Structures are given as C-alpha cells and as structure tokens.
C-alpha cells in the first residue's frame, strides 16, 4: 500500500490488486459510516487505487490508513443485483471457442459467477465487474466496433460489463439485457455501484 497526497484535500491510496481495492473501499465505507474519517466527500475506487476527496488533513489520514489491518472482503458482502440476460451476442461463438466449450455452455459459466462491481467509469452507469476465474479472461477484439448497442453484456480481460448506452467498444459481446443501467430520474441513478454484487440470470428461465 502506498499513499499519496493529491492537491490540498485529496488522498490517493495505491494497492497491488483489485481484491485489495475492494477490501479497502469496503473498510473506508464502514469507517466513514462510523464517523471515523471526518469530512471525506467522496470515495472513488479504480483498478488499483482508491481516491479520497475532501480530506481535511490528507497526510495524517494517509499515515493512519497505512497502519490499518484491512480484512479481506467476504464473498457475501455487499448488495446483490440480479440482471436477466439473453445470450444472443455476436461474439458468443468466438468466446465459447476461446473457452473450449459449446456456445450453449457459456450461460452456465457466466450465470454461475457472482460478479462484483470493482469500479465505474467509461460512461455513466458502466461498472467494471470482476469475478470470472482467470481461465475465462479474454482478449479484446482486434477491431473495435463503432457502435455497441445499449444493454450489451460484454467481456474483456478480467472484466465483464454492460453497456448503458450505445457507444464504441472493443469488448466481446455475448448477450443483451433490458435492464436500465443509468436513469437520472432514479435514486440512485446507477444500477451498479462499487461493491455491489451482480448475478446474471438467463432471460426466460
């Protein structure tokens, strides 16, 4: 763990893995809820960092965090969101080939995984979901698509994600959902938030 003061009122914590980021983010949320962090406006996890914004004394807080013993995150920790999916993506056959199985076996792999939102970015409502075993990690497409339909379930590297709106993208598309990932009229607007667990079910079953 490494802590860096950013500007006058922010602290960046660098970590070695996504699991460490998830555990520290959960611990920070717990301590903020208990009133132990003072006036921290925002906690923003990323792939290997957590940013604390609005910190009164970033250097002092960084020294405290460096001494913490952060427990690993329990698999059952965090709210659970269930998302129905149709496995109709144009890259389903290629993903199955890379995984060494038939296309109809892919839903069992994805549906049998409890994903966790590691962090959000790219577009409002887009969550980077971790949880797939390493043997199922995938390369991005050689040629990105100019437009990926909203609701597309996609895989790339260690991550899964659902496109909240139509946008360019180079991930492998395996399915689609009607779930609304981002709705400014909803509270909260994002269906996926860091720390949320996600399970994909097969639509129509």
C-alpha atoms as a PDB file:
ATOM      1  CA  UNK A   1       0.000   0.000   0.000  1.00  0.00           C
ATOM      2  CA  UNK A   2       1.223   3.488  -0.904  1.00  0.00           C
ATOM      3  CA  UNK A   3      -0.490   6.777  -0.023  1.00  0.00           C
ATOM      4  CA  UNK A   4      -0.055   9.993  -1.994  1.00  0.00           C
ATOM      5  CA  UNK A   5      -1.379  13.460  -1.165  1.00  0.00           C
ATOM      6  CA  UNK A   6      -3.170  14.921  -4.196  1.00  0.00           C
ATOM      7  CA  UNK A   7      -3.615  18.690  -4.211  1.00  0.00           C
ATOM      8  CA  UNK A   8      -4.710  20.243  -0.942  1.00  0.00           C
ATOM      9  CA  UNK A   9      -7.559  17.998   0.130  1.00  0.00           C
ATOM     10  CA  UNK A  10      -7.340  14.579  -1.521  1.00  0.00           C
ATOM     11  CA  UNK A  11      -5.527  11.327  -0.839  1.00  0.00           C
ATOM     12  CA  UNK A  12      -4.739   8.566  -3.333  1.00  0.00           C
ATOM     13  CA  UNK A  13      -4.118   5.055  -2.000  1.00  0.00           C
ATOM     14  CA  UNK A  14      -2.296   2.698  -4.377  1.00  0.00           C
ATOM     15  CA  UNK A  15      -2.742  -1.066  -3.974  1.00  0.00           C
ATOM     16  CA  UNK A  16      -1.490  -4.233  -5.634  1.00  0.00           C
ATOM     17  CA  UNK A  17      -4.723  -5.932  -6.698  1.00  0.00           C
ATOM     18  CA  UNK A  18      -8.419  -5.483  -7.371  1.00  0.00           C
ATOM     19  CA  UNK A  19      -9.164  -7.608  -4.287  1.00  0.00           C
ATOM     20  CA  UNK A  20      -7.181  -5.195  -2.097  1.00  0.00           C
ATOM     21  CA  UNK A  21      -9.009  -2.232  -3.619  1.00  0.00           C
ATOM     22  CA  UNK A  22     -12.399  -3.839  -2.915  1.00  0.00           C
ATOM     23  CA  UNK A  23     -11.434  -4.645   0.671  1.00  0.00           C
ATOM     24  CA  UNK A  24     -10.085  -1.157   1.389  1.00  0.00           C
ATOM     25  CA  UNK A  25     -13.096   0.523  -0.231  1.00  0.00           C
ATOM     26  CA  UNK A  26     -15.444  -1.542   1.966  1.00  0.00           C
ATOM     27  CA  UNK A  27     -13.401  -0.699   5.068  1.00  0.00           C
ATOM     28  CA  UNK A  28     -13.430   3.003   4.201  1.00  0.00           C
ATOM     29  CA  UNK A  29     -17.203   2.929   3.742  1.00  0.00           C
ATOM     30  CA  UNK A  30     -17.578   1.208   7.109  1.00  0.00           C
ATOM     31  CA  UNK A  31     -15.324   3.694   8.896  1.00  0.00           C
ATOM     32  CA  UNK A  32     -16.959   6.678   7.215  1.00  0.00           C
ATOM     33  CA  UNK A  33     -20.349   5.375   8.326  1.00  0.00           C
ATOM     34  CA  UNK A  34     -18.994   5.134  11.874  1.00  0.00           C
ATOM     35  CA  UNK A  35     -17.760   8.724  11.706  1.00  0.00           C
ATOM     36  CA  UNK A  36     -14.070   7.789  11.808  1.00  0.00           C
ATOM     37  CA  UNK A  37     -12.942   9.539   8.613  1.00  0.00           C
ATOM     38  CA  UNK A  38     -14.047  13.078   9.277  1.00  0.00           C
ATOM     39  CA  UNK A  39     -15.177  15.251   6.380  1.00  0.00           C
ATOM     40  CA  UNK A  40     -14.480  12.984   3.394  1.00  0.00           C
ATOM     41  CA  UNK A  41     -16.714  13.952   0.469  1.00  0.00           C
ATOM     42  CA  UNK A  42     -16.081  11.071  -1.931  1.00  0.00           C
ATOM     43  CA  UNK A  43     -14.520   7.606  -2.067  1.00  0.00           C
ATOM     44  CA  UNK A  44     -13.638   6.643  -5.646  1.00  0.00           C
ATOM     45  CA  UNK A  45     -12.215   3.159  -6.313  1.00  0.00           C
ATOM     46  CA  UNK A  46     -10.397   2.358  -9.568  1.00  0.00           C
ATOM     47  CA  UNK A  47      -8.475  -0.653 -10.896  1.00  0.00           C
ATOM     48  CA  UNK A  48      -5.602  -0.386  -8.397  1.00  0.00           C
ATOM     49  CA  UNK A  49      -6.341   2.800  -6.412  1.00  0.00           C
ATOM     50  CA  UNK A  50      -8.856   4.442  -4.104  1.00  0.00           C
ATOM     51  CA  UNK A  51      -9.194   8.244  -4.110  1.00  0.00           C
ATOM     52  CA  UNK A  52     -10.462  10.021  -1.008  1.00  0.00           C
ATOM     53  CA  UNK A  53     -11.647  13.526  -1.857  1.00  0.00           C
ATOM     54  CA  UNK A  54     -12.422  16.343   0.564  1.00  0.00           C
ATOM     55  CA  UNK A  55      -9.944  15.269   3.256  1.00  0.00           C
ATOM     56  CA  UNK A  56      -9.070  17.859   5.894  1.00  0.00           C
ATOM     57  CA  UNK A  57      -5.525  16.549   6.515  1.00  0.00           C
ATOM     58  CA  UNK A  58      -4.591  14.067   3.749  1.00  0.00           C
ATOM     59  CA  UNK A  59      -1.069  13.338   5.056  1.00  0.00           C
ATOM     60  CA  UNK A  60      -2.306  12.477   8.535  1.00  0.00           C
ATOM     61  CA  UNK A  61      -5.119  10.284   7.207  1.00  0.00           C
ATOM     62  CA  UNK A  62      -2.697   8.543   4.840  1.00  0.00           C
ATOM     63  CA  UNK A  63      -0.417   7.678   7.757  1.00  0.00           C
ATOM     64  CA  UNK A  64      -3.402   6.248   9.669  1.00  0.00           C
ATOM     65  CA  UNK A  65      -4.627   4.162   6.727  1.00  0.00           C
ATOM     66  CA  UNK A  66      -1.145   2.728   6.180  1.00  0.00           C
ATOM     67  CA  UNK A  67      -1.319   1.237   9.692  1.00  0.00           C
ATOM     68  CA  UNK A  68      -4.739  -0.367   9.243  1.00  0.00           C
ATOM     69  CA  UNK A  69      -5.222  -4.109   9.083  1.00  0.00           C
ATOM     70  CA  UNK A  70      -7.852  -4.367   6.361  1.00  0.00           C
ATOM     71  CA  UNK A  71      -9.806  -7.638   6.427  1.00  0.00           C
ATOM     72  CA  UNK A  72     -10.430  -9.381   3.080  1.00  0.00           C
ATOM     73  CA  UNK A  73     -13.844  -8.813   1.596  1.00  0.00           C
ATOM     74  CA  UNK A  74     -16.343 -11.630   2.240  1.00  0.00           C
ATOM     75  CA  UNK A  75     -17.952 -13.088  -0.896  1.00  0.00           C
ATOM     76  CA  UNK A  76     -21.410 -12.414   0.567  1.00  0.00           C
ATOM     77  CA  UNK A  77     -20.655  -8.793   1.452  1.00  0.00           C
ATOM     78  CA  UNK A  78     -22.478  -6.072  -0.469  1.00  0.00           C
ATOM     79  CA  UNK A  79     -25.953  -5.711  -2.014  1.00  0.00           C
ATOM     80  CA  UNK A  80     -26.926  -8.170  -4.758  1.00  0.00           C
ATOM     81  CA  UNK A  81     -28.452  -7.141  -8.113  1.00  0.00           C
ATOM     82  CA  UNK A  82     -29.877  -9.769 -10.484  1.00  0.00           C
ATOM     83  CA  UNK A  83     -29.831  -8.990 -14.217  1.00  0.00           C
ATOM     84  CA  UNK A  84     -31.707 -11.176 -16.766  1.00  0.00           C
ATOM     85  CA  UNK A  85     -29.685 -11.745 -19.962  1.00  0.00           C
ATOM     86  CA  UNK A  86     -30.392 -13.132 -23.421  1.00  0.00           C
ATOM     87  CA  UNK A  87     -27.314 -14.925 -24.757  1.00  0.00           C
ATOM     88  CA  UNK A  88     -27.581 -13.545 -28.268  1.00  0.00           C
ATOM     89  CA  UNK A  89     -24.308 -11.634 -28.629  1.00  0.00           C
ATOM     90  CA  UNK A  90     -22.413 -11.681 -31.942  1.00  0.00           C
ATOM     91  CA  UNK A  91     -19.206 -12.856 -30.228  1.00  0.00           C
ATOM     92  CA  UNK A  92     -20.801 -15.724 -28.282  1.00  0.00           C
ATOM     93  CA  UNK A  93     -19.431 -18.433 -30.597  1.00  0.00           C
ATOM     94  CA  UNK A  94     -15.919 -16.949 -30.512  1.00  0.00           C
ATOM     95  CA  UNK A  95     -15.973 -16.683 -26.703  1.00  0.00           C
ATOM     96  CA  UNK A  96     -17.099 -20.308 -26.493  1.00  0.00           C
ATOM     97  CA  UNK A  97     -14.249 -21.324 -28.802  1.00  0.00           C
ATOM     98  CA  UNK A  98     -11.702 -19.471 -26.668  1.00  0.00           C
ATOM     99  CA  UNK A  99     -13.130 -21.137 -23.557  1.00  0.00           C
ATOM    100  CA  UNK A 100     -13.058 -24.576 -25.198  1.00  0.00           C
ATOM    101  CA  UNK A 101     -16.780 -25.250 -24.928  1.00  0.00           C
ATOM    102  CA  UNK A 102     -20.045 -25.104 -26.875  1.00  0.00           C
ATOM    103  CA  UNK A 103     -21.899 -21.757 -27.056  1.00  0.00           C
ATOM    104  CA  UNK A 104     -24.794 -23.179 -25.044  1.00  0.00           C
ATOM    105  CA  UNK A 105     -22.404 -23.815 -22.147  1.00  0.00           C
ATOM    106  CA  UNK A 106     -21.376 -20.147 -21.796  1.00  0.00           C
ATOM    107  CA  UNK A 107     -24.514 -19.113 -19.824  1.00  0.00           C
ATOM    108  CA  UNK A 108     -23.660 -21.637 -17.100  1.00  0.00           C
ATOM    109  CA  UNK A 109     -20.198 -20.111 -16.643  1.00  0.00           C
ATOM    110  CA  UNK A 110     -21.478 -16.541 -16.528  1.00  0.00           C
ATOM    111  CA  UNK A 111     -24.592 -17.368 -14.512  1.00  0.00           C
ATOM    112  CA  UNK A 112     -22.565 -19.414 -12.047  1.00  0.00           C
ATOM    113  CA  UNK A 113     -20.310 -16.450 -11.250  1.00  0.00           C
ATOM    114  CA  UNK A 114     -21.166 -13.842  -8.635  1.00  0.00           C
ATOM    115  CA  UNK A 115     -19.565 -10.701 -10.031  1.00  0.00           C
ATOM    116  CA  UNK A 116     -18.661  -7.598  -8.047  1.00  0.00           C
ATOM    117  CA  UNK A 117     -18.580  -4.010  -9.285  1.00  0.00           C
ATOM    118  CA  UNK A 118     -14.933  -3.082  -8.807  1.00  0.00           C
ATOM    119  CA  UNK A 119     -15.275   0.480 -10.057  1.00  0.00           C
ATOM    120  CA  UNK A 120     -17.252   2.601 -12.503  1.00  0.00           C
ATOM    121  CA  UNK A 121     -16.196   4.660 -15.494  1.00  0.00           C
ATOM    122  CA  UNK A 122     -16.109   4.953 -19.290  1.00  0.00           C
ATOM    123  CA  UNK A 123     -19.775   6.081 -19.372  1.00  0.00           C
ATOM    124  CA  UNK A 124     -22.381   6.928 -16.705  1.00  0.00           C
ATOM    125  CA  UNK A 125     -23.680   3.650 -15.309  1.00  0.00           C
ATOM    126  CA  UNK A 126     -20.894   1.435 -16.672  1.00  0.00           C
ATOM    127  CA  UNK A 127     -19.468  -0.859 -13.988  1.00  0.00           C
ATOM    128  CA  UNK A 128     -16.301  -2.922 -14.344  1.00  0.00           C
ATOM    129  CA  UNK A 129     -17.293  -6.306 -12.910  1.00  0.00           C
ATOM    130  CA  UNK A 130     -14.743  -8.759 -11.527  1.00  0.00           C
ATOM    131  CA  UNK A 131     -15.204 -12.392 -10.522  1.00  0.00           C
ATOM    132  CA  UNK A 132     -14.556 -14.551 -13.575  1.00  0.00           C
ATOM    133  CA  UNK A 133     -11.857 -17.163 -12.871  1.00  0.00           C
ATOM    134  CA  UNK A 134      -8.568 -16.444 -14.650  1.00  0.00           C
ATOM    135  CA  UNK A 135      -9.042 -19.238 -17.189  1.00  0.00           C
ATOM    136  CA  UNK A 136     -12.044 -17.325 -18.569  1.00  0.00           C
ATOM    137  CA  UNK A 137     -10.265 -13.995 -19.044  1.00  0.00           C
ATOM    138  CA  UNK A 138     -10.479 -12.836 -22.663  1.00  0.00           C
ATOM    139  CA  UNK A 139      -8.640 -10.530 -25.061  1.00  0.00           C
ATOM    140  CA  UNK A 140     -10.379  -7.523 -26.510  1.00  0.00           C
ATOM    141  CA  UNK A 141     -11.472  -7.720 -30.141  1.00  0.00           C
ATOM    142  CA  UNK A 142      -8.756  -6.956 -32.692  1.00  0.00           C
ATOM    143  CA  UNK A 143     -11.087  -4.427 -34.315  1.00  0.00           C
ATOM    144  CA  UNK A 144     -13.394  -2.385 -32.044  1.00  0.00           C
ATOM    145  CA  UNK A 145     -16.976  -1.782 -33.123  1.00  0.00           C
ATOM    146  CA  UNK A 146     -18.045   1.752 -33.987  1.00  0.00           C
ATOM    147  CA  UNK A 147     -21.299   1.247 -32.095  1.00  0.00           C
ATOM    148  CA  UNK A 148     -22.186  -1.312 -29.422  1.00  0.00           C
ATOM    149  CA  UNK A 149     -25.940  -1.484 -28.647  1.00  0.00           C
ATOM    150  CA  UNK A 150     -27.129  -0.343 -25.223  1.00  0.00           C
ATOM    151  CA  UNK A 151     -27.687  -3.295 -22.883  1.00  0.00           C
ATOM    152  CA  UNK A 152     -24.923  -5.431 -24.388  1.00  0.00           C
ATOM    153  CA  UNK A 153     -23.240  -7.826 -21.935  1.00  0.00           C
ATOM    154  CA  UNK A 154     -19.543  -7.883 -22.759  1.00  0.00           C
ATOM    155  CA  UNK A 155     -16.268  -9.416 -21.583  1.00  0.00           C
ATOM    156  CA  UNK A 156     -12.665  -8.231 -21.871  1.00  0.00           C
ATOM    157  CA  UNK A 157      -9.584  -9.113 -19.843  1.00  0.00           C
ATOM    158  CA  UNK A 158     -10.642  -9.898 -16.282  1.00  0.00           C
ATOM    159  CA  UNK A 159     -13.805  -7.780 -16.553  1.00  0.00           C
ATOM    160  CA  UNK A 160     -17.446  -8.114 -17.518  1.00  0.00           C
ATOM    161  CA  UNK A 161     -19.654  -5.109 -18.177  1.00  0.00           C
ATOM    162  CA  UNK A 162     -22.996  -3.971 -19.562  1.00  0.00           C
ATOM    163  CA  UNK A 163     -23.047  -1.011 -21.934  1.00  0.00           C
ATOM    164  CA  UNK A 164     -25.542   1.533 -20.518  1.00  0.00           C
ATOM    165  CA  UNK A 165     -25.903   3.298 -23.882  1.00  0.00           C
ATOM    166  CA  UNK A 166     -24.806   2.832 -27.473  1.00  0.00           C
ATOM    167  CA  UNK A 167     -21.107   3.660 -27.827  1.00  0.00           C
ATOM    168  CA  UNK A 168     -17.925   2.408 -29.499  1.00  0.00           C
ATOM    169  CA  UNK A 169     -16.320  -0.617 -27.868  1.00  0.00           C
ATOM    170  CA  UNK A 170     -13.856  -3.430 -28.319  1.00  0.00           C
ATOM    171  CA  UNK A 171     -15.162  -5.939 -25.783  1.00  0.00           C
ATOM    172  CA  UNK A 172     -16.523  -9.386 -26.676  1.00  0.00           C
ATOM    173  CA  UNK A 173     -20.344  -9.237 -26.841  1.00  0.00           C
ATOM    174  CA  UNK A 174     -22.071 -12.350 -25.522  1.00  0.00           C
ATOM    175  CA  UNK A 175     -25.589 -11.202 -24.670  1.00  0.00           C
ATOM    176  CA  UNK A 176     -28.067  -8.409 -24.048  1.00  0.00           C
ATOM    177  CA  UNK A 177     -30.370  -7.188 -21.312  1.00  0.00           C
ATOM    178  CA  UNK A 178     -33.293  -4.784 -20.992  1.00  0.00           C
ATOM    179  CA  UNK A 179     -32.091  -3.646 -17.555  1.00  0.00           C
ATOM    180  CA  UNK A 180     -31.650   0.133 -17.319  1.00  0.00           C
ATOM    181  CA  UNK A 181     -28.103   0.763 -16.121  1.00  0.00           C
ATOM    182  CA  UNK A 182     -28.381   4.556 -15.827  1.00  0.00           C
ATOM    183  CA  UNK A 183     -31.541   6.569 -15.146  1.00  0.00           C
ATOM    184  CA  UNK A 184     -31.110  10.166 -13.893  1.00  0.00           C
ATOM    185  CA  UNK A 185     -34.712  10.076 -12.630  1.00  0.00           C
ATOM    186  CA  UNK A 186     -33.960   7.071 -10.406  1.00  0.00           C
ATOM    187  CA  UNK A 187     -32.355   7.164  -6.965  1.00  0.00           C
ATOM    188  CA  UNK A 188     -29.642   6.046  -7.207  1.00  0.00           C
ATOM    189  CA  UNK A 189     -29.263   6.759 -10.917  1.00  0.00           C
ATOM    190  CA  UNK A 190     -26.745   3.915 -11.445  1.00  0.00           C
ATOM    191  CA  UNK A 191     -27.880   0.304 -11.122  1.00  0.00           C
ATOM    192  CA  UNK A 192     -24.256  -0.740 -10.491  1.00  0.00           C
ATOM    193  CA  UNK A 193     -22.201   0.914  -7.738  1.00  0.00           C
ATOM    194  CA  UNK A 194     -18.758  -0.106  -6.457  1.00  0.00           C
ATOM    195  CA  UNK A 195     -19.103  -3.025  -4.053  1.00  0.00           C
ATOM    196  CA  UNK A 196     -22.427  -4.240  -5.485  1.00  0.00           C
ATOM    197  CA  UNK A 197     -22.595  -7.956  -6.302  1.00  0.00           C
ATOM    198  CA  UNK A 198     -24.133  -8.870  -9.666  1.00  0.00           C
ATOM    199  CA  UNK A 199     -25.615 -12.145 -10.843  1.00  0.00           C
ATOM    200  CA  UNK A 200     -26.679 -12.703 -14.448  1.00  0.00           C
ATOM    201  CA  UNK A 201     -29.665 -14.990 -14.967  1.00  0.00           C
ATOM    202  CA  UNK A 202     -30.816 -16.384 -18.297  1.00  0.00           C
ATOM    203  CA  UNK A 203     -33.875 -14.435 -19.503  1.00  0.00           C
ATOM    204  CA  UNK A 204     -36.997 -16.511 -19.955  1.00  0.00           C
ATOM    205  CA  UNK A 205     -35.976 -19.181 -17.423  1.00  0.00           C
END
